């Protein structure tokens, strides 16, 4: 039961982080169409991680990117927790990425919001 709660916690943290990032991205744009399309590249990141293919089997450049992008530790953690297999440092990296993205998105959105209030 604890493994599933941990998995849910990581997914909630990722959703929270991506929400703040997309709020900031939406505030940067000038139109609704731009706000809906600007976060689209985020959809590709899981495909460039280790979610479908192990990073070790990728070409060197793609392997490097896959190992250091935010979705890889999240996917490895979500894969390992329900199976009760060792998570290693992936949990810390996943939560670290979530905190970093959340904080950056929040601070960026807040700055954009305050700038719009001044005008």
PDB file of N, CA and C in Angstrom:
ATOM      1  N   UNK A   1       0.823  -1.201   0.000  1.00  0.00           N
ATOM      2  CA  UNK A   1       0.000   0.000   0.000  1.00  0.00           C
ATOM      3  C   UNK A   1       0.870   1.269   0.000  1.00  0.00           C
ATOM      4  N   UNK A   2       1.962   1.240   0.780  1.00  0.00           N
ATOM      5  CA  UNK A   2       2.844   2.400   0.854  1.00  0.00           C
ATOM      6  C   UNK A   2       3.506   2.718  -0.470  1.00  0.00           C
ATOM      7  N   UNK A   3       3.812   1.660  -1.243  1.00  0.00           N
ATOM      8  CA  UNK A   3       4.454   1.889  -2.542  1.00  0.00           C
ATOM      9  C   UNK A   3       3.514   2.626  -3.483  1.00  0.00           C
ATOM     10  N   UNK A   4       2.235   2.268  -3.426  1.00  0.00           N
ATOM     11  CA  UNK A   4       1.264   2.932  -4.296  1.00  0.00           C
ATOM     12  C   UNK A   4       1.040   4.377  -3.866  1.00  0.00           C
ATOM     13  N   UNK A   5       1.063   4.628  -2.568  1.00  0.00           N
ATOM     14  CA  UNK A   5       0.936   6.007  -2.100  1.00  0.00           C
ATOM     15  C   UNK A   5       2.155   6.834  -2.511  1.00  0.00           C
ATOM     16  N   UNK A   6       3.329   6.217  -2.465  1.00  0.00           N
ATOM     17  CA  UNK A   6       4.531   6.895  -2.931  1.00  0.00           C
ATOM     18  C   UNK A   6       4.456   7.206  -4.416  1.00  0.00           C
ATOM     19  N   UNK A   7       3.959   6.257  -5.174  1.00  0.00           N
ATOM     20  CA  UNK A   7       3.790   6.465  -6.615  1.00  0.00           C
ATOM     21  C   UNK A   7       2.816   7.605  -6.881  1.00  0.00           C
ATOM     22  N   UNK A   8       1.712   7.595  -6.163  1.00  0.00           N
ATOM     23  CA  UNK A   8       0.726   8.664  -6.313  1.00  0.00           C
ATOM     24  C   UNK A   8       1.323  10.012  -5.921  1.00  0.00           C
ATOM     25  N   UNK A   9       2.118  10.032  -4.860  1.00  0.00           N
ATOM     26  CA  UNK A   9       2.756  11.270  -4.427  1.00  0.00           C
ATOM     27  C   UNK A   9       3.695  11.837  -5.473  1.00  0.00           C
ATOM     28  N   UNK A  10       4.466  10.974  -6.119  1.00  0.00           N
ATOM     29  CA  UNK A  10       5.377  11.442  -7.175  1.00  0.00           C
ATOM     30  C   UNK A  10       4.576  11.991  -8.352  1.00  0.00           C
ATOM     31  N   UNK A  11       3.494  11.323  -8.712  1.00  0.00           N
ATOM     32  CA  UNK A  11       2.673  11.800  -9.834  1.00  0.00           C
ATOM     33  C   UNK A  11       1.979  13.115  -9.508  1.00  0.00           C
ATOM     34  N   UNK A  12       1.529  13.270  -8.267  1.00  0.00           N
ATOM     35  CA  UNK A  12       0.908  14.534  -7.849  1.00  0.00           C
ATOM     36  C   UNK A  12       1.948  15.655  -7.869  1.00  0.00           C
ATOM     37  N   UNK A  13       3.148  15.371  -7.393  1.00  0.00           N
ATOM     38  CA  UNK A  13       4.212  16.376  -7.414  1.00  0.00           C
ATOM     39  C   UNK A  13       4.537  16.789  -8.851  1.00  0.00           C
ATOM     40  N   UNK A  14       4.586  15.825  -9.760  1.00  0.00           N
ATOM     41  CA  UNK A  14       4.845  16.143 -11.166  1.00  0.00           C
ATOM     42  C   UNK A  14       3.704  16.976 -11.751  1.00  0.00           C
ATOM     43  N   UNK A  15       2.480  16.615 -11.452  1.00  0.00           N
ATOM     44  CA  UNK A  15       1.339  17.379 -11.955  1.00  0.00           C
ATOM     45  C   UNK A  15       1.357  18.811 -11.417  1.00  0.00           C
ATOM     46  N   UNK A  16       1.696  18.963 -10.147  1.00  0.00           N
ATOM     47  CA  UNK A  16       1.783  20.293  -9.537  1.00  0.00           C
ATOM     48  C   UNK A  16       2.862  21.122 -10.228  1.00  0.00           C
ATOM     49  N   UNK A  17       4.019  20.504 -10.456  1.00  0.00           N
ATOM     50  CA  UNK A  17       5.127  21.211 -11.102  1.00  0.00           C
ATOM     51  C   UNK A  17       4.764  21.632 -12.520  1.00  0.00           C
ATOM     52  N   UNK A  18       4.198  20.715 -13.275  1.00  0.00           N
ATOM     53  CA  UNK A  18       3.835  21.040 -14.654  1.00  0.00           C
ATOM     54  C   UNK A  18       2.708  22.069 -14.725  1.00  0.00           C
ATOM     55  N   UNK A  19       1.838  22.059 -13.734  1.00  0.00           N
ATOM     56  CA  UNK A  19       0.767  23.062 -13.696  1.00  0.00           C
ATOM     57  C   UNK A  19       1.345  24.457 -13.559  1.00  0.00           C
ATOM     58  N   UNK A  20       2.287  24.639 -12.623  1.00  0.00           N
ATOM     59  CA  UNK A  20       2.878  25.967 -12.457  1.00  0.00           C
ATOM     60  C   UNK A  20       3.683  26.381 -13.684  1.00  0.00           C
ATOM     61  N   UNK A  21       4.373  25.436 -14.285  1.00  0.00           N
ATOM     62  CA  UNK A  21       5.125  25.768 -15.490  1.00  0.00           C
ATOM     63  C   UNK A  21       4.193  26.193 -16.618  1.00  0.00           C
ATOM     64  N   UNK A  22       3.103  25.479 -16.796  1.00  0.00           N
ATOM     65  CA  UNK A  22       2.177  25.831 -17.878  1.00  0.00           C
ATOM     66  C   UNK A  22       1.403  27.112 -17.572  1.00  0.00           C
ATOM     67  N   UNK A  23       1.192  27.422 -16.298  1.00  0.00           N
ATOM     68  CA  UNK A  23       0.590  28.714 -15.950  1.00  0.00           C
ATOM     69  C   UNK A  23       1.504  29.839 -16.420  1.00  0.00           C
ATOM     70  N   UNK A  24       2.783  29.720 -16.127  1.00  0.00           N
ATOM     71  CA  UNK A  24       3.733  30.743 -16.554  1.00  0.00           C
ATOM     72  C   UNK A  24       3.819  30.815 -18.079  1.00  0.00           C
ATOM     73  N   UNK A  25       3.856  29.660 -18.726  1.00  0.00           N
ATOM     74  CA  UNK A  25       3.904  29.660 -20.194  1.00  0.00           C
ATOM     75  C   UNK A  25       2.647  30.294 -20.782  1.00  0.00           C
ATOM     76  N   UNK A  26       1.512  30.041 -20.172  1.00  0.00           N
ATOM     77  CA  UNK A  26       0.268  30.641 -20.645  1.00  0.00           C
ATOM     78  C   UNK A  26       0.242  32.149 -20.473  1.00  0.00           C
ATOM     79  N   UNK A  27       0.887  32.634 -19.408  1.00  0.00           N
ATOM     80  CA  UNK A  27       0.906  34.079 -19.167  1.00  0.00           C
ATOM     81  C   UNK A  27       1.860  34.820 -20.101  1.00  0.00           C
ATOM     82  N   UNK A  28       2.823  34.113 -20.659  1.00  0.00           N
ATOM     83  CA  UNK A  28       3.772  34.727 -21.587  1.00  0.00           C
ATOM     84  C   UNK A  28       3.106  35.039 -22.912  1.00  0.00           C
ATOM     85  N   UNK A  29       2.152  34.238 -23.310  1.00  0.00           N
ATOM     86  CA  UNK A  29       1.564  34.371 -24.644  1.00  0.00           C
ATOM     87  C   UNK A  29       0.551  35.503 -24.697  1.00  0.00           C
ATOM     88  N   UNK A  30       0.256  35.880 -25.896  1.00  0.00           N
ATOM     89  CA  UNK A  30      -0.694  36.978 -26.116  1.00  0.00           C
ATOM     90  C   UNK A  30      -2.093  36.496 -26.503  1.00  0.00           C
ATOM     91  N   UNK A  31      -2.220  35.193 -26.834  1.00  0.00           N
ATOM     92  CA  UNK A  31      -3.519  34.695 -27.289  1.00  0.00           C
ATOM     93  C   UNK A  31      -3.822  33.344 -26.648  1.00  0.00           C
ATOM     94  N   UNK A  32      -5.069  32.946 -26.746  1.00  0.00           N
ATOM     95  CA  UNK A  32      -5.491  31.646 -26.220  1.00  0.00           C
ATOM     96  C   UNK A  32      -4.832  30.519 -27.000  1.00  0.00           C
ATOM     97  N   UNK A  33      -4.716  30.673 -28.307  1.00  0.00           N
ATOM     98  CA  UNK A  33      -4.091  29.638 -29.130  1.00  0.00           C
ATOM     99  C   UNK A  33      -2.621  29.467 -28.751  1.00  0.00           C
ATOM    100  N   UNK A  34      -1.957  30.562 -28.493  1.00  0.00           N
ATOM    101  CA  UNK A  34      -0.562  30.482 -28.073  1.00  0.00           C
ATOM    102  C   UNK A  34      -0.419  29.832 -26.707  1.00  0.00           C
ATOM    103  N   UNK A  35      -1.342  30.145 -25.804  1.00  0.00           N
ATOM    104  CA  UNK A  35      -1.306  29.562 -24.460  1.00  0.00           C
ATOM    105  C   UNK A  35      -1.551  28.063 -24.495  1.00  0.00           C
ATOM    106  N   UNK A  36      -2.366  27.612 -25.421  1.00  0.00           N
ATOM    107  CA  UNK A  36      -2.643  26.178 -25.485  1.00  0.00           C
ATOM    108  C   UNK A  36      -1.548  25.411 -26.223  1.00  0.00           C
ATOM    109  N   UNK A  37      -0.811  26.081 -27.100  1.00  0.00           N
ATOM    110  CA  UNK A  37       0.198  25.385 -27.905  1.00  0.00           C
ATOM    111  C   UNK A  37       1.616  25.494 -27.368  1.00  0.00           C
ATOM    112  N   UNK A  38       1.913  26.489 -26.561  1.00  0.00           N
ATOM    113  CA  UNK A  38       3.278  26.672 -26.083  1.00  0.00           C
ATOM    114  C   UNK A  38       3.769  25.503 -25.219  1.00  0.00           C
ATOM    115  N   UNK A  39       2.953  24.899 -24.347  1.00  0.00           N
ATOM    116  CA  UNK A  39       3.448  23.757 -23.562  1.00  0.00           C
ATOM    117  C   UNK A  39       3.519  22.432 -24.333  1.00  0.00           C
ATOM    118  N   UNK A  40       3.152  22.422 -25.598  1.00  0.00           N
ATOM    119  CA  UNK A  40       3.134  21.178 -26.374  1.00  0.00           C
ATOM    120  C   UNK A  40       4.466  20.427 -26.397  1.00  0.00           C
ATOM    121  N   UNK A  41       5.621  21.089 -26.462  1.00  0.00           N
ATOM    122  CA  UNK A  41       6.878  20.321 -26.452  1.00  0.00           C
ATOM    123  C   UNK A  41       7.069  19.478 -25.187  1.00  0.00           C
ATOM    124  N   UNK A  42       6.409  19.832 -24.109  1.00  0.00           N
ATOM    125  CA  UNK A  42       6.500  19.024 -22.892  1.00  0.00           C
ATOM    126  C   UNK A  42       5.962  17.612 -23.104  1.00  0.00           C
ATOM    127  N   UNK A  43       5.048  17.470 -24.044  1.00  0.00           N
ATOM    128  CA  UNK A  43       4.467  16.158 -24.326  1.00  0.00           C
ATOM    129  C   UNK A  43       5.521  15.215 -24.916  1.00  0.00           C
ATOM    130  N   UNK A  44       6.500  15.764 -25.614  1.00  0.00           N
ATOM    131  CA  UNK A  44       7.528  14.934 -26.236  1.00  0.00           C
ATOM    132  C   UNK A  44       8.595  14.443 -25.260  1.00  0.00           C
ATOM    133  N   UNK A  45       8.788  15.127 -24.152  1.00  0.00           N
ATOM    134  CA  UNK A  45       9.859  14.753 -23.233  1.00  0.00           C
ATOM    135  C   UNK A  45       9.778  13.316 -22.719  1.00  0.00           C
ATOM    136  N   UNK A  46       8.603  12.785 -22.356  1.00  0.00           N
ATOM    137  CA  UNK A  46       8.591  11.384 -21.919  1.00  0.00           C
ATOM    138  C   UNK A  46       9.050  10.411 -23.004  1.00  0.00           C
ATOM    139  N   UNK A  47       8.832  10.749 -24.259  1.00  0.00           N
ATOM    140  CA  UNK A  47       9.272   9.875 -25.344  1.00  0.00           C
ATOM    141  C   UNK A  47      10.782   9.918 -25.529  1.00  0.00           C
ATOM    142  N   UNK A  48      11.416  10.991 -25.061  1.00  0.00           N
ATOM    143  CA  UNK A  48      12.863  11.122 -25.157  1.00  0.00           C
ATOM    144  C   UNK A  48      13.550  10.703 -23.862  1.00  0.00           C
ATOM    145  N   UNK A  49      12.823  10.009 -23.011  1.00  0.00           N
ATOM    146  CA  UNK A  49      13.379   9.499 -21.765  1.00  0.00           C
ATOM    147  C   UNK A  49      13.438   7.989 -21.797  1.00  0.00           C
ATOM    148  N   UNK A  50      13.533   7.411 -20.614  1.00  0.00           N
ATOM    149  CA  UNK A  50      13.666   5.957 -20.526  1.00  0.00           C
ATOM    150  C   UNK A  50      12.333   5.265 -20.285  1.00  0.00           C
ATOM    151  N   UNK A  51      11.242   5.909 -20.621  1.00  0.00           N
ATOM    152  CA  UNK A  51       9.932   5.320 -20.380  1.00  0.00           C
ATOM    153  C   UNK A  51       9.602   4.144 -21.280  1.00  0.00           C
ATOM    154  N   UNK A  52      10.076   4.163 -22.486  1.00  0.00           N
ATOM    155  CA  UNK A  52       9.740   3.117 -23.445  1.00  0.00           C
ATOM    156  C   UNK A  52      10.932   2.245 -23.804  1.00  0.00           C
ATOM    157  N   UNK A  53      12.115   2.848 -23.807  1.00  0.00           N
ATOM    158  CA  UNK A  53      13.345   2.146 -24.177  1.00  0.00           C
ATOM    159  C   UNK A  53      14.388   2.457 -23.106  1.00  0.00           C
ATOM    160  N   UNK A  54      15.124   1.470 -22.626  1.00  0.00           N
ATOM    161  CA  UNK A  54      16.178   1.767 -21.645  1.00  0.00           C
ATOM    162  C   UNK A  54      17.194   2.759 -22.209  1.00  0.00           C
ATOM    163  N   UNK A  55      17.600   3.694 -21.377  1.00  0.00           N
ATOM    164  CA  UNK A  55      18.531   4.731 -21.836  1.00  0.00           C
ATOM    165  C   UNK A  55      19.851   4.133 -22.311  1.00  0.00           C
ATOM    166  N   UNK A  56      20.248   3.010 -21.741  1.00  0.00           N
ATOM    167  CA  UNK A  56      21.506   2.386 -22.138  1.00  0.00           C
ATOM    168  C   UNK A  56      21.527   1.898 -23.567  1.00  0.00           C
ATOM    169  N   UNK A  57      20.369   1.693 -24.170  1.00  0.00           N
ATOM    170  CA  UNK A  57      20.317   1.201 -25.545  1.00  0.00           C
ATOM    171  C   UNK A  57      20.202   2.328 -26.577  1.00  0.00           C
ATOM    172  N   UNK A  58      20.216   3.571 -26.128  1.00  0.00           N
ATOM    173  CA  UNK A  58      20.075   4.712 -27.029  1.00  0.00           C
ATOM    174  C   UNK A  58      21.432   5.162 -27.556  1.00  0.00           C
ATOM    175  N   UNK A  59      21.437   5.874 -28.691  1.00  0.00           N
ATOM    176  CA  UNK A  59      22.686   6.477 -29.168  1.00  0.00           C
ATOM    177  C   UNK A  59      23.229   7.474 -28.131  1.00  0.00           C
ATOM    178  N   UNK A  60      24.495   7.763 -28.192  1.00  0.00           N
ATOM    179  CA  UNK A  60      25.178   8.523 -27.140  1.00  0.00           C
ATOM    180  C   UNK A  60      24.511   9.862 -26.833  1.00  0.00           C
ATOM    181  N   UNK A  61      24.253  10.683 -27.840  1.00  0.00           N
ATOM    182  CA  UNK A  61      23.651  11.997 -27.615  1.00  0.00           C
ATOM    183  C   UNK A  61      22.272  11.904 -26.999  1.00  0.00           C
ATOM    184  N   UNK A  62      21.456  11.026 -27.519  1.00  0.00           N
ATOM    185  CA  UNK A  62      20.111  10.850 -26.978  1.00  0.00           C
ATOM    186  C   UNK A  62      20.159  10.227 -25.590  1.00  0.00           C
ATOM    187  N   UNK A  63      21.101   9.317 -25.370  1.00  0.00           N
ATOM    188  CA  UNK A  63      21.253   8.693 -24.048  1.00  0.00           C
ATOM    189  C   UNK A  63      21.576   9.754 -23.005  1.00  0.00           C
ATOM    190  N   UNK A  64      22.496  10.658 -23.334  1.00  0.00           N
ATOM    191  CA  UNK A  64      22.862  11.715 -22.404  1.00  0.00           C
ATOM    192  C   UNK A  64      21.641  12.569 -22.062  1.00  0.00           C
ATOM    193  N   UNK A  65      20.879  12.957 -23.090  1.00  0.00           N
ATOM    194  CA  UNK A  65      19.690  13.766 -22.853  1.00  0.00           C
ATOM    195  C   UNK A  65      18.671  12.984 -22.022  1.00  0.00           C
ATOM    196  N   UNK A  66      18.454  11.724 -22.353  1.00  0.00           N
ATOM    197  CA  UNK A  66      17.465  10.909 -21.649  1.00  0.00           C
ATOM    198  C   UNK A  66      17.831  10.717 -20.180  1.00  0.00           C
ATOM    199  N   UNK A  67      19.107  10.605 -19.879  1.00  0.00           N
ATOM    200  CA  UNK A  67      19.519  10.379 -18.497  1.00  0.00           C
ATOM    201  C   UNK A  67      19.373  11.623 -17.631  1.00  0.00           C
ATOM    202  N   UNK A  68      19.439  12.805 -18.222  1.00  0.00           N
ATOM    203  CA  UNK A  68      19.445  14.034 -17.434  1.00  0.00           C
ATOM    204  C   UNK A  68      18.198  14.893 -17.582  1.00  0.00           C
ATOM    205  N   UNK A  69      17.197  14.427 -18.259  1.00  0.00           N
ATOM    206  CA  UNK A  69      15.971  15.218 -18.369  1.00  0.00           C
ATOM    207  C   UNK A  69      15.029  14.866 -17.212  1.00  0.00           C
ATOM    208  N   UNK A  70      14.087  15.730 -16.869  1.00  0.00           N
ATOM    209  CA  UNK A  70      13.262  15.543 -15.671  1.00  0.00           C
ATOM    210  C   UNK A  70      12.370  14.303 -15.680  1.00  0.00           C
ATOM    211  N   UNK A  71      11.897  13.873 -16.825  1.00  0.00           N
ATOM    212  CA  UNK A  71      10.926  12.780 -16.832  1.00  0.00           C
ATOM    213  C   UNK A  71      11.555  11.412 -16.576  1.00  0.00           C
ATOM    214  N   UNK A  72      12.842  11.250 -16.846  1.00  0.00           N
ATOM    215  CA  UNK A  72      13.466   9.947 -16.651  1.00  0.00           C
ATOM    216  C   UNK A  72      13.439   9.496 -15.197  1.00  0.00           C
ATOM    217  N   UNK A  73      13.890  10.301 -14.216  1.00  0.00           N
ATOM    218  CA  UNK A  73      13.802   9.818 -12.834  1.00  0.00           C
ATOM    219  C   UNK A  73      12.371   9.629 -12.360  1.00  0.00           C
ATOM    220  N   UNK A  74      11.452  10.441 -12.873  1.00  0.00           N
ATOM    221  CA  UNK A  74      10.048  10.265 -12.502  1.00  0.00           C
ATOM    222  C   UNK A  74       9.540   8.925 -13.020  1.00  0.00           C
ATOM    223  N   UNK A  75       9.833   8.619 -14.278  1.00  0.00           N
ATOM    224  CA  UNK A  75       9.369   7.350 -14.855  1.00  0.00           C
ATOM    225  C   UNK A  75      10.020   6.160 -14.168  1.00  0.00           C
ATOM    226  N   UNK A  76      11.306   6.270 -13.864  1.00  0.00           N
ATOM    227  CA  UNK A  76      11.987   5.161 -13.181  1.00  0.00           C
ATOM    228  C   UNK A  76      11.421   4.948 -11.786  1.00  0.00           C
ATOM    229  N   UNK A  77      11.089   6.024 -11.084  1.00  0.00           N
ATOM    230  CA  UNK A  77      10.503   5.922  -9.743  1.00  0.00           C
ATOM    231  C   UNK A  77       9.112   5.325  -9.810  1.00  0.00           C
ATOM    232  N   UNK A  78       8.302   5.801 -10.736  1.00  0.00           N
ATOM    233  CA  UNK A  78       6.932   5.296 -10.879  1.00  0.00           C
ATOM    234  C   UNK A  78       6.938   3.837 -11.327  1.00  0.00           C
ATOM    235  N   UNK A  79       7.953   3.435 -12.051  1.00  0.00           N
ATOM    236  CA  UNK A  79       8.075   2.041 -12.465  1.00  0.00           C
ATOM    237  C   UNK A  79       8.537   1.166 -11.286  1.00  0.00           C
ATOM    238  N   UNK A  80       9.425   1.667 -10.451  1.00  0.00           N
ATOM    239  CA  UNK A  80      10.027   0.849  -9.390  1.00  0.00           C
ATOM    240  C   UNK A  80       9.157   0.745  -8.134  1.00  0.00           C
ATOM    241  N   UNK A  81       8.490   1.815  -7.747  1.00  0.00           N
ATOM    242  CA  UNK A  81       7.750   1.802  -6.481  1.00  0.00           C
ATOM    243  C   UNK A  81       6.665   0.726  -6.408  1.00  0.00           C
ATOM    244  N   UNK A  82       5.769   0.613  -7.373  1.00  0.00           N
ATOM    245  CA  UNK A  82       4.720  -0.411  -7.247  1.00  0.00           C
ATOM    246  C   UNK A  82       5.262  -1.844  -7.265  1.00  0.00           C
ATOM    247  N   UNK A  83       6.414  -2.043  -7.882  1.00  0.00           N
ATOM    248  CA  UNK A  83       7.007  -3.382  -7.943  1.00  0.00           C
ATOM    249  C   UNK A  83       7.831  -3.710  -6.699  1.00  0.00           C
ATOM    250  N   UNK A  84       8.012  -2.725  -5.833  1.00  0.00           N
ATOM    251  CA  UNK A  84       8.851  -2.858  -4.636  1.00  0.00           C
ATOM    252  C   UNK A  84      10.297  -3.179  -4.996  1.00  0.00           C
ATOM    253  N   UNK A  85      10.760  -2.666  -6.122  1.00  0.00           N
ATOM    254  CA  UNK A  85      12.165  -2.818  -6.500  1.00  0.00           C
ATOM    255  C   UNK A  85      12.920  -1.585  -6.023  1.00  0.00           C
ATOM    256  N   UNK A  86      14.234  -1.660  -5.878  1.00  0.00           N
ATOM    257  CA  UNK A  86      15.001  -0.513  -5.389  1.00  0.00           C
ATOM    258  C   UNK A  86      14.849   0.717  -6.295  1.00  0.00           C
ATOM    259  N   UNK A  87      14.607   1.833  -5.668  1.00  0.00           N
ATOM    260  CA  UNK A  87      14.418   3.085  -6.402  1.00  0.00           C
ATOM    261  C   UNK A  87      15.751   3.790  -6.606  1.00  0.00           C
ATOM    262  N   UNK A  88      16.686   3.571  -5.699  1.00  0.00           N
ATOM    263  CA  UNK A  88      17.975   4.241  -5.790  1.00  0.00           C
ATOM    264  C   UNK A  88      17.822   5.738  -5.607  1.00  0.00           C
ATOM    265  N   UNK A  89      18.586   6.501  -6.349  1.00  0.00           N
ATOM    266  CA  UNK A  89      18.528   7.963  -6.237  1.00  0.00           C
ATOM    267  C   UNK A  89      17.433   8.569  -7.104  1.00  0.00           C
ATOM    268  N   UNK A  90      16.699   7.744  -7.835  1.00  0.00           N
ATOM    269  CA  UNK A  90      15.670   8.271  -8.737  1.00  0.00           C
ATOM    270  C   UNK A  90      14.570   9.022  -7.996  1.00  0.00           C
ATOM    271  N   UNK A  91      14.188   8.561  -6.816  1.00  0.00           N
ATOM    272  CA  UNK A  91      13.130   9.240  -6.061  1.00  0.00           C
ATOM    273  C   UNK A  91      13.573  10.643  -5.675  1.00  0.00           C
ATOM    274  N   UNK A  92      14.786  10.774  -5.184  1.00  0.00           N
ATOM    275  CA  UNK A  92      15.304  12.093  -4.798  1.00  0.00           C
ATOM    276  C   UNK A  92      15.418  12.997  -6.021  1.00  0.00           C
ATOM    277  N   UNK A  93      15.912  12.449  -7.118  1.00  0.00           N
ATOM    278  CA  UNK A  93      16.018  13.238  -8.354  1.00  0.00           C
ATOM    279  C   UNK A  93      14.645  13.653  -8.871  1.00  0.00           C
ATOM    280  N   UNK A  94      13.686  12.735  -8.840  1.00  0.00           N
ATOM    281  CA  UNK A  94      12.332  13.049  -9.326  1.00  0.00           C
ATOM    282  C   UNK A  94      11.704  14.156  -8.493  1.00  0.00           C
ATOM    283  N   UNK A  95      11.786  14.017  -7.178  1.00  0.00           N
ATOM    284  CA  UNK A  95      11.206  15.051  -6.312  1.00  0.00           C
ATOM    285  C   UNK A  95      11.977  16.362  -6.422  1.00  0.00           C
ATOM    286  N   UNK A  96      13.293  16.273  -6.608  1.00  0.00           N
ATOM    287  CA  UNK A  96      14.092  17.485  -6.804  1.00  0.00           C
ATOM    288  C   UNK A  96      13.688  18.229  -8.068  1.00  0.00           C
ATOM    289  N   UNK A  97      13.511  17.482  -9.164  1.00  0.00           N
ATOM    290  CA  UNK A  97      13.047  18.104 -10.404  1.00  0.00           C
ATOM    291  C   UNK A  97      11.671  18.739 -10.207  1.00  0.00           C
ATOM    292  N   UNK A  98      10.783  18.039  -9.511  1.00  0.00           N
ATOM    293  CA  UNK A  98       9.430  18.570  -9.287  1.00  0.00           C
ATOM    294  C   UNK A  98       9.474  19.866  -8.482  1.00  0.00           C
ATOM    295  N   UNK A  99      10.294  19.896  -7.443  1.00  0.00           N
ATOM    296  CA  UNK A  99      10.423  21.116  -6.636  1.00  0.00           C
ATOM    297  C   UNK A  99      11.018  22.235  -7.472  1.00  0.00           C
ATOM    298  N   UNK A 100      12.056  21.943  -8.222  1.00  0.00           N
ATOM    299  CA  UNK A 100      12.705  22.957  -9.054  1.00  0.00           C
ATOM    300  C   UNK A 100      11.751  23.517 -10.109  1.00  0.00           C
ATOM    301  N   UNK A 101      11.033  22.656 -10.799  1.00  0.00           N
ATOM    302  CA  UNK A 101      10.090  23.109 -11.826  1.00  0.00           C
ATOM    303  C   UNK A 101       8.936  23.879 -11.198  1.00  0.00           C
ATOM    304  N   UNK A 102       8.438  23.400 -10.068  1.00  0.00           N
ATOM    305  CA  UNK A 102       7.351  24.103  -9.371  1.00  0.00           C
ATOM    306  C   UNK A 102       7.781  25.505  -8.967  1.00  0.00           C
ATOM    307  N   UNK A 103       8.932  25.596  -8.335  1.00  0.00           N
ATOM    308  CA  UNK A 103       9.427  26.883  -7.865  1.00  0.00           C
ATOM    309  C   UNK A 103       9.697  27.831  -9.023  1.00  0.00           C
ATOM    310  N   UNK A 104      10.344  27.331 -10.064  1.00  0.00           N
ATOM    311  CA  UNK A 104      10.626  28.179 -11.222  1.00  0.00           C
ATOM    312  C   UNK A 104       9.335  28.647 -11.888  1.00  0.00           C
ATOM    313  N   UNK A 105       8.385  27.740 -12.081  1.00  0.00           N
ATOM    314  CA  UNK A 105       7.113  28.109 -12.695  1.00  0.00           C
ATOM    315  C   UNK A 105       6.332  29.102 -11.852  1.00  0.00           C
ATOM    316  N   UNK A 106       6.312  28.875 -10.535  1.00  0.00           N
ATOM    317  CA  UNK A 106       5.594  29.786  -9.637  1.00  0.00           C
ATOM    318  C   UNK A 106       6.217  31.174  -9.649  1.00  0.00           C
ATOM    319  N   UNK A 107       7.541  31.232  -9.481  1.00  0.00           N
ATOM    320  CA  UNK A 107       8.208  32.543  -9.446  1.00  0.00           C
ATOM    321  C   UNK A 107       8.080  33.276 -10.769  1.00  0.00           C
ATOM    322  N   UNK A 108       8.182  32.545 -11.871  1.00  0.00           N
ATOM    323  CA  UNK A 108       8.030  33.155 -13.185  1.00  0.00           C
ATOM    324  C   UNK A 108       6.607  33.671 -13.376  1.00  0.00           C
ATOM    325  N   UNK A 109       5.605  32.866 -13.028  1.00  0.00           N
ATOM    326  CA  UNK A 109       4.208  33.283 -13.169  1.00  0.00           C
ATOM    327  C   UNK A 109       3.901  34.482 -12.272  1.00  0.00           C
ATOM    328  N   UNK A 110       4.433  34.457 -11.065  1.00  0.00           N
ATOM    329  CA  UNK A 110       4.190  35.574 -10.142  1.00  0.00           C
ATOM    330  C   UNK A 110       4.801  36.864 -10.690  1.00  0.00           C
ATOM    331  N   UNK A 111       6.021  36.761 -11.230  1.00  0.00           N
ATOM    332  CA  UNK A 111       6.669  37.937 -11.807  1.00  0.00           C
ATOM    333  C   UNK A 111       5.880  38.472 -12.998  1.00  0.00           C
ATOM    334  N   UNK A 112       5.403  37.578 -13.846  1.00  0.00           N
ATOM    335  CA  UNK A 112       4.608  38.004 -14.999  1.00  0.00           C
ATOM    336  C   UNK A 112       3.295  38.633 -14.556  1.00  0.00           C
ATOM    337  N   UNK A 113       2.677  38.080 -13.528  1.00  0.00           N
ATOM    338  CA  UNK A 113       1.402  38.609 -13.031  1.00  0.00           C
ATOM    339  C   UNK A 113       1.595  39.999 -12.435  1.00  0.00           C
ATOM    340  N   UNK A 114       2.658  40.181 -11.658  1.00  0.00           N
ATOM    341  CA  UNK A 114       2.906  41.487 -11.053  1.00  0.00           C
ATOM    342  C   UNK A 114       3.247  42.516 -12.113  1.00  0.00           C
ATOM    343  N   UNK A 115       3.948  42.079 -13.168  1.00  0.00           N
ATOM    344  CA  UNK A 115       4.281  42.996 -14.252  1.00  0.00           C
ATOM    345  C   UNK A 115       3.013  43.448 -14.972  1.00  0.00           C
ATOM    346  N   UNK A 116       2.048  42.558 -15.147  1.00  0.00           N
ATOM    347  CA  UNK A 116       0.805  42.918 -15.818  1.00  0.00           C
ATOM    348  C   UNK A 116      -0.051  43.841 -14.941  1.00  0.00           C
ATOM    349  N   UNK A 117       0.049  43.710 -13.620  1.00  0.00           N
ATOM    350  CA  UNK A 117      -0.692  44.594 -12.727  1.00  0.00           C
ATOM    351  C   UNK A 117      -0.153  46.013 -12.766  1.00  0.00           C
ATOM    352  N   UNK A 118       1.141  46.178 -12.954  1.00  0.00           N
ATOM    353  CA  UNK A 118       1.765  47.494 -12.978  1.00  0.00           C
ATOM    354  C   UNK A 118       1.344  48.273 -14.202  1.00  0.00           C
ATOM    355  N   UNK A 119       1.170  47.605 -15.320  1.00  0.00           N
ATOM    356  CA  UNK A 119       0.806  48.289 -16.571  1.00  0.00           C
ATOM    357  C   UNK A 119      -0.501  48.927 -16.467  1.00  0.00           C
TER     358      UNK A 119
END
